[in-house]
C-alpha atoms as a PDB file:
ATOM      1  CA  UNK A   1       0.088   0.145   0.041  1.00  0.00           C
ATOM      2  CA  UNK A   2       2.498   2.777   0.946  1.00  0.00           C
ATOM      3  CA  UNK A   3       4.858   1.953  -2.294  1.00  0.00           C
ATOM      4  CA  UNK A   4       1.844   2.430  -4.422  1.00  0.00           C
ATOM      5  CA  UNK A   5       1.156   5.794  -2.682  1.00  0.00           C
ATOM      6  CA  UNK A   6       4.961   6.597  -3.375  1.00  0.00           C
ATOM      7  CA  UNK A   7       4.624   5.553  -6.649  1.00  0.00           C
ATOM      8  CA  UNK A   8       2.163   7.791  -7.127  1.00  0.00           C
ATOM      9  CA  UNK A   9       3.457  10.666  -5.616  1.00  0.00           C
ATOM     10  CA  UNK A  10       7.097  10.242  -8.019  1.00  0.00           C
ATOM     11  CA  UNK A  11       4.761   9.884 -10.874  1.00  0.00           C
ATOM     12  CA  UNK A  12       3.074  13.078  -9.564  1.00  0.00           C
ATOM     13  CA  UNK A  13       6.547  14.716  -9.031  1.00  0.00           C
ATOM     14  CA  UNK A  14       7.952  13.477 -12.565  1.00  0.00           C
ATOM     15  CA  UNK A  15       4.286  15.227 -14.174  1.00  0.00           C
ATOM     16  CA  UNK A  16       4.705  18.325 -12.293  1.00  0.00           C
ATOM     17  CA  UNK A  17       8.834  18.348 -13.314  1.00  0.00           C
ATOM     18  CA  UNK A  18       7.710  17.905 -17.039  1.00  0.00           C
ATOM     19  CA  UNK A  19       5.359  20.754 -16.906  1.00  0.00           C
ATOM     20  CA  UNK A  20       7.511  23.275 -15.323  1.00  0.00           C
ATOM     21  CA  UNK A  21      10.158  22.117 -18.004  1.00  0.00           C
ATOM     22  CA  UNK A  22       8.064  22.499 -20.813  1.00  0.00           C
ATOM     23  CA  UNK A  23       7.025  26.103 -19.725  1.00  0.00           C
ATOM     24  CA  UNK A  24      10.665  26.971 -18.808  1.00  0.00           C
ATOM     25  CA  UNK A  25      11.953  25.271 -22.577  1.00  0.00           C
ATOM     26  CA  UNK A  26       9.374  27.559 -24.211  1.00  0.00           C
ATOM     27  CA  UNK A  27      10.095  30.307 -22.431  1.00  0.00           C
ATOM     28  CA  UNK A  28      13.857  30.052 -23.322  1.00  0.00           C
ATOM     29  CA  UNK A  29      13.069  29.399 -26.971  1.00  0.00           C
ATOM     30  CA  UNK A  30      14.079  32.667 -29.304  1.00  0.00           C
ATOM     31  CA  UNK A  31      10.847  31.502 -31.903  1.00  0.00           C
ATOM     32  CA  UNK A  32       8.344  30.676 -29.673  1.00  0.00           C
ATOM     33  CA  UNK A  33       5.207  33.293 -29.972  1.00  0.00           C
ATOM     34  CA  UNK A  34       3.018  34.184 -27.837  1.00  0.00           C
ATOM     35  CA  UNK A  35      -0.049  31.789 -28.869  1.00  0.00           C
ATOM     36  CA  UNK A  36       2.307  29.184 -28.606  1.00  0.00           C
ATOM     37  CA  UNK A  37       2.993  29.673 -25.170  1.00  0.00           C
ATOM     38  CA  UNK A  38      -0.532  30.494 -24.696  1.00  0.00           C
ATOM     39  CA  UNK A  39      -1.174  26.746 -26.423  1.00  0.00           C
ATOM     40  CA  UNK A  40       0.983  25.018 -24.201  1.00  0.00           C
ATOM     41  CA  UNK A  41      -0.485  26.458 -21.039  1.00  0.00           C
ATOM     42  CA  UNK A  42      -4.006  25.452 -22.186  1.00  0.00           C
ATOM     43  CA  UNK A  43      -2.688  21.791 -22.738  1.00  0.00           C
ATOM     44  CA  UNK A  44      -0.716  21.580 -19.492  1.00  0.00           C
ATOM     45  CA  UNK A  45      -3.871  22.937 -17.631  1.00  0.00           C
ATOM     46  CA  UNK A  46      -6.206  20.180 -19.474  1.00  0.00           C
ATOM     47  CA  UNK A  47      -3.380  17.663 -18.129  1.00  0.00           C
ATOM     48  CA  UNK A  48      -3.261  18.605 -14.552  1.00  0.00           C
ATOM     49  CA  UNK A  49      -7.123  18.962 -14.799  1.00  0.00           C
ATOM     50  CA  UNK A  50     -10.084  16.330 -14.064  1.00  0.00           C
ATOM     51  CA  UNK A  51     -13.570  16.045 -15.031  1.00  0.00           C
ATOM     52  CA  UNK A  52     -14.899  13.986 -12.257  1.00  0.00           C
ATOM     53  CA  UNK A  53     -18.389  12.920 -14.044  1.00  0.00           C
ATOM     54  CA  UNK A  54     -16.798  12.978 -17.688  1.00  0.00           C
ATOM     55  CA  UNK A  55     -17.317   9.987 -19.685  1.00  0.00           C
ATOM     56  CA  UNK A  56     -13.727   9.145 -19.944  1.00  0.00           C
ATOM     57  CA  UNK A  57     -11.581   7.689 -22.995  1.00  0.00           C
ATOM     58  CA  UNK A  58     -14.747   6.821 -25.427  1.00  0.00           C
ATOM     59  CA  UNK A  59     -15.126  10.719 -26.180  1.00  0.00           C
ATOM     60  CA  UNK A  60     -12.575  13.019 -26.972  1.00  0.00           C
ATOM     61  CA  UNK A  61     -11.367  15.958 -25.020  1.00  0.00           C
ATOM     62  CA  UNK A  62     -12.483  18.797 -26.340  1.00  0.00           C
ATOM     63  CA  UNK A  63     -10.194  22.083 -26.532  1.00  0.00           C
ATOM     64  CA  UNK A  64     -12.106  24.954 -27.456  1.00  0.00           C
ATOM     65  CA  UNK A  65     -10.952  28.564 -28.649  1.00  0.00           C
ATOM     66  CA  UNK A  66     -12.912  31.605 -28.784  1.00  0.00           C
ATOM     67  CA  UNK A  67     -11.727  34.700 -30.515  1.00  0.00           C
ATOM     68  CA  UNK A  68      -8.042  33.946 -31.396  1.00  0.00           C
ATOM     69  CA  UNK A  69      -7.159  31.868 -34.534  1.00  0.00           C
ATOM     70  CA  UNK A  70      -3.228  32.117 -33.618  1.00  0.00           C
ATOM     71  CA  UNK A  71      -4.109  30.236 -30.319  1.00  0.00           C
ATOM     72  CA  UNK A  72      -6.546  28.144 -32.039  1.00  0.00           C
ATOM     73  CA  UNK A  73      -3.536  27.444 -34.958  1.00  0.00           C
ATOM     74  CA  UNK A  74      -0.725  26.432 -32.464  1.00  0.00           C
ATOM     75  CA  UNK A  75      -3.411  24.598 -29.879  1.00  0.00           C
ATOM     76  CA  UNK A  76      -3.660  21.983 -32.936  1.00  0.00           C
ATOM     77  CA  UNK A  77       0.229  22.085 -33.776  1.00  0.00           C
ATOM     78  CA  UNK A  78       0.768  21.215 -30.552  1.00  0.00           C
ATOM     79  CA  UNK A  79      -1.727  18.786 -29.876  1.00  0.00           C
ATOM     80  CA  UNK A  80      -1.532  16.809 -33.449  1.00  0.00           C
ATOM     81  CA  UNK A  81      -1.328  13.088 -33.244  1.00  0.00           C
ATOM     82  CA  UNK A  82      -1.133  13.540 -29.092  1.00  0.00           C
ATOM     83  CA  UNK A  83      -3.592  11.750 -26.725  1.00  0.00           C
ATOM     84  CA  UNK A  84      -4.344  13.082 -22.887  1.00  0.00           C
ATOM     85  CA  UNK A  85      -5.194  10.122 -20.545  1.00  0.00           C
ATOM     86  CA  UNK A  86      -5.752   7.845 -23.216  1.00  0.00           C
ATOM     87  CA  UNK A  87      -8.014  10.103 -25.228  1.00  0.00           C
ATOM     88  CA  UNK A  88      -8.184  12.014 -28.533  1.00  0.00           C
ATOM     89  CA  UNK A  89      -7.746  15.639 -28.525  1.00  0.00           C
ATOM     90  CA  UNK A  90      -9.983  17.403 -30.681  1.00  0.00           C
ATOM     91  CA  UNK A  91      -9.248  21.989 -30.889  1.00  0.00           C
ATOM     92  CA  UNK A  92     -12.718  23.333 -32.047  1.00  0.00           C
ATOM     93  CA  UNK A  93     -13.103  27.042 -32.827  1.00  0.00           C
ATOM     94  CA  UNK A  94     -16.428  28.541 -31.153  1.00  0.00           C
ATOM     95  CA  UNK A  95     -18.210  31.799 -31.414  1.00  0.00           C
ATOM     96  CA  UNK A  96     -19.439  33.429 -28.160  1.00  0.00           C
ATOM     97  CA  UNK A  97     -22.915  32.439 -28.974  1.00  0.00           C
ATOM     98  CA  UNK A  98     -22.154  29.528 -30.502  1.00  0.00           C
ATOM     99  CA  UNK A  99     -22.821  26.124 -28.673  1.00  0.00           C
ATOM    100  CA  UNK A 100     -19.842  24.710 -26.268  1.00  0.00           C
ATOM    101  CA  UNK A 101     -21.368  21.036 -25.110  1.00  0.00           C
ATOM    102  CA  UNK A 102     -17.877  19.722 -26.400  1.00  0.00           C
ATOM    103  CA  UNK A 103     -15.729  21.778 -24.852  1.00  0.00           C
ATOM    104  CA  UNK A 104     -13.954  20.729 -21.535  1.00  0.00           C
ATOM    105  CA  UNK A 105     -11.596  24.002 -21.748  1.00  0.00           C
ATOM    106  CA  UNK A 106     -12.430  26.860 -22.919  1.00  0.00           C
ATOM    107  CA  UNK A 107     -10.331  29.572 -23.915  1.00  0.00           C
ATOM    108  CA  UNK A 108     -11.368  33.061 -24.521  1.00  0.00           C
ATOM    109  CA  UNK A 109      -8.916  35.455 -25.842  1.00  0.00           C
ATOM    110  CA  UNK A 110      -9.262  39.493 -24.906  1.00  0.00           C
ATOM    111  CA  UNK A 111     -10.227  40.069 -28.142  1.00  0.00           C
ATOM    112  CA  UNK A 112     -13.489  38.818 -27.111  1.00  0.00           C
ATOM    113  CA  UNK A 113     -13.634  40.640 -24.347  1.00  0.00           C
ATOM    114  CA  UNK A 114     -17.504  42.215 -24.487  1.00  0.00           C
ATOM    115  CA  UNK A 115     -18.840  38.509 -24.765  1.00  0.00           C
ATOM    116  CA  UNK A 116     -16.731  37.439 -21.438  1.00  0.00           C
ATOM    117  CA  UNK A 117     -19.656  37.830 -19.547  1.00  0.00           C
ATOM    118  CA  UNK A 118     -22.097  35.694 -21.349  1.00  0.00           C
ATOM    119  CA  UNK A 119     -19.686  33.048 -22.334  1.00  0.00           C
ATOM    120  CA  UNK A 120     -18.514  32.517 -18.872  1.00  0.00           C
ATOM    121  CA  UNK A 121     -22.009  32.284 -17.664  1.00  0.00           C
ATOM    122  CA  UNK A 122     -23.232  30.108 -20.257  1.00  0.00           C
ATOM    123  CA  UNK A 123     -20.816  27.556 -19.475  1.00  0.00           C
ATOM    124  CA  UNK A 124     -20.557  28.400 -15.219  1.00  0.00           C
ATOM    125  CA  UNK A 125     -22.857  25.321 -14.772  1.00  0.00           C
ATOM    126  CA  UNK A 126     -20.790  23.151 -16.503  1.00  0.00           C
ATOM    127  CA  UNK A 127     -17.562  21.249 -16.003  1.00  0.00           C
ATOM    128  CA  UNK A 128     -15.935  23.378 -18.282  1.00  0.00           C
ATOM    129  CA  UNK A 129     -12.402  24.718 -17.701  1.00  0.00           C
ATOM    130  CA  UNK A 130     -12.525  28.362 -18.591  1.00  0.00           C
ATOM    131  CA  UNK A 131      -9.427  30.082 -19.485  1.00  0.00           C
ATOM    132  CA  UNK A 132      -9.126  33.939 -20.937  1.00  0.00           C
ATOM    133  CA  UNK A 133      -6.696  36.491 -20.800  1.00  0.00           C
ATOM    134  CA  UNK A 134      -9.262  39.352 -20.980  1.00  0.00           C
ATOM    135  CA  UNK A 135      -8.627  41.706 -17.621  1.00  0.00           C
ATOM    136  CA  UNK A 136     -10.994  40.617 -14.954  1.00  0.00           C
ATOM    137  CA  UNK A 137     -11.575  37.142 -16.778  1.00  0.00           C
ATOM    138  CA  UNK A 138     -11.799  35.754 -13.150  1.00  0.00           C
ATOM    139  CA  UNK A 139     -14.009  38.154 -11.515  1.00  0.00           C
ATOM    140  CA  UNK A 140     -16.232  37.628 -14.441  1.00  0.00           C
ATOM    141  CA  UNK A 141     -16.461  34.055 -13.261  1.00  0.00           C
ATOM    142  CA  UNK A 142     -14.077  32.296 -15.701  1.00  0.00           C
ATOM    143  CA  UNK A 143     -11.398  29.649 -13.643  1.00  0.00           C
ATOM    144  CA  UNK A 144      -7.811  30.705 -15.325  1.00  0.00           C
ATOM    145  CA  UNK A 145      -6.695  33.958 -16.142  1.00  0.00           C
ATOM    146  CA  UNK A 146      -3.567  34.694 -18.132  1.00  0.00           C
ATOM    147  CA  UNK A 147      -1.354  37.685 -17.627  1.00  0.00           C
ATOM    148  CA  UNK A 148       2.054  38.934 -18.631  1.00  0.00           C
ATOM    149  CA  UNK A 149       4.129  40.734 -16.320  1.00  0.00           C
ATOM    150  CA  UNK A 150       7.936  41.635 -16.617  1.00  0.00           C
ATOM    151  CA  UNK A 151       7.706  39.747 -19.998  1.00  0.00           C
ATOM    152  CA  UNK A 152       6.239  36.183 -18.769  1.00  0.00           C
ATOM    153  CA  UNK A 153       3.096  34.858 -18.925  1.00  0.00           C
ATOM    154  CA  UNK A 154       1.697  34.196 -15.478  1.00  0.00           C
ATOM    155  CA  UNK A 155      -1.597  33.204 -14.619  1.00  0.00           C
ATOM    156  CA  UNK A 156      -4.366  33.452 -11.673  1.00  0.00           C
ATOM    157  CA  UNK A 157      -7.359  31.047 -10.319  1.00  0.00           C
ATOM    158  CA  UNK A 158     -11.033  31.720  -9.079  1.00  0.00           C
ATOM    159  CA  UNK A 159     -11.175  28.701  -6.996  1.00  0.00           C
ATOM    160  CA  UNK A 160     -15.073  29.386  -6.597  1.00  0.00           C
ATOM    161  CA  UNK A 161     -15.247  28.951  -9.996  1.00  0.00           C
ATOM    162  CA  UNK A 162     -13.129  25.634 -10.315  1.00  0.00           C
ATOM    163  CA  UNK A 163     -15.698  24.452  -7.456  1.00  0.00           C
ATOM    164  CA  UNK A 164     -18.696  25.519  -9.095  1.00  0.00           C
ATOM    165  CA  UNK A 165     -17.677  23.882 -12.205  1.00  0.00           C
ATOM    166  CA  UNK A 166     -16.893  20.593 -10.230  1.00  0.00           C
ATOM    167  CA  UNK A 167     -13.278  20.345 -11.464  1.00  0.00           C
ATOM    168  CA  UNK A 168     -10.078  19.177  -9.824  1.00  0.00           C
ATOM    169  CA  UNK A 169      -7.476  20.897 -10.556  1.00  0.00           C
ATOM    170  CA  UNK A 170      -4.289  19.685  -9.260  1.00  0.00           C
ATOM    171  CA  UNK A 171      -2.443  21.281  -6.550  1.00  0.00           C
ATOM    172  CA  UNK A 172       1.120  21.233  -8.242  1.00  0.00           C
ATOM    173  CA  UNK A 173      -0.945  23.586 -10.821  1.00  0.00           C
ATOM    174  CA  UNK A 174      -2.633  25.645  -8.338  1.00  0.00           C
ATOM    175  CA  UNK A 175       0.706  26.269  -6.602  1.00  0.00           C
ATOM    176  CA  UNK A 176       1.982  27.640  -9.678  1.00  0.00           C
ATOM    177  CA  UNK A 177      -0.192  30.495  -9.743  1.00  0.00           C
ATOM    178  CA  UNK A 178       0.190  33.920  -9.444  1.00  0.00           C
ATOM    179  CA  UNK A 179      -3.159  34.640  -6.991  1.00  0.00           C
ATOM    180  CA  UNK A 180      -5.520  31.551  -5.933  1.00  0.00           C
ATOM    181  CA  UNK A 181      -8.749  33.851  -4.975  1.00  0.00           C
END
């Protein structure tokens, strides 16, 4: 029993180190664009989130993008031919008013800032990990908000929104948040 627990902790530590190295390597690469960096964060958020009521491997993991084609393209390149926890990954572009039924992760660009409140409200009772880079995204009810500080990408997490969405975000990811409100 103790060995199994230690094995689980070791796997967790290894996954955390891999996440941090991925972000650090991306940060040091000279040809990395802002959309590619955001795509890497979105993908890693999905890796460190659990959807308790999700049907699992029989359904693809939906990563949806509203308002930023460059992030959508970067995300498609990043996840091409990859699986997450044995599941296919599908990247979709959705509109602020369009259906989001197949979205596990929903990224909203600040270019769609006028629609933030409406989109977040439309999925607030669903198990959707909402991520955005609009000012006050977490105050609007979003789960994670990207922002740049001194040339580095950081994020805040809204714990009430996580609880409302009934998601489980790994504590190691929460520890990396700038603010955990």
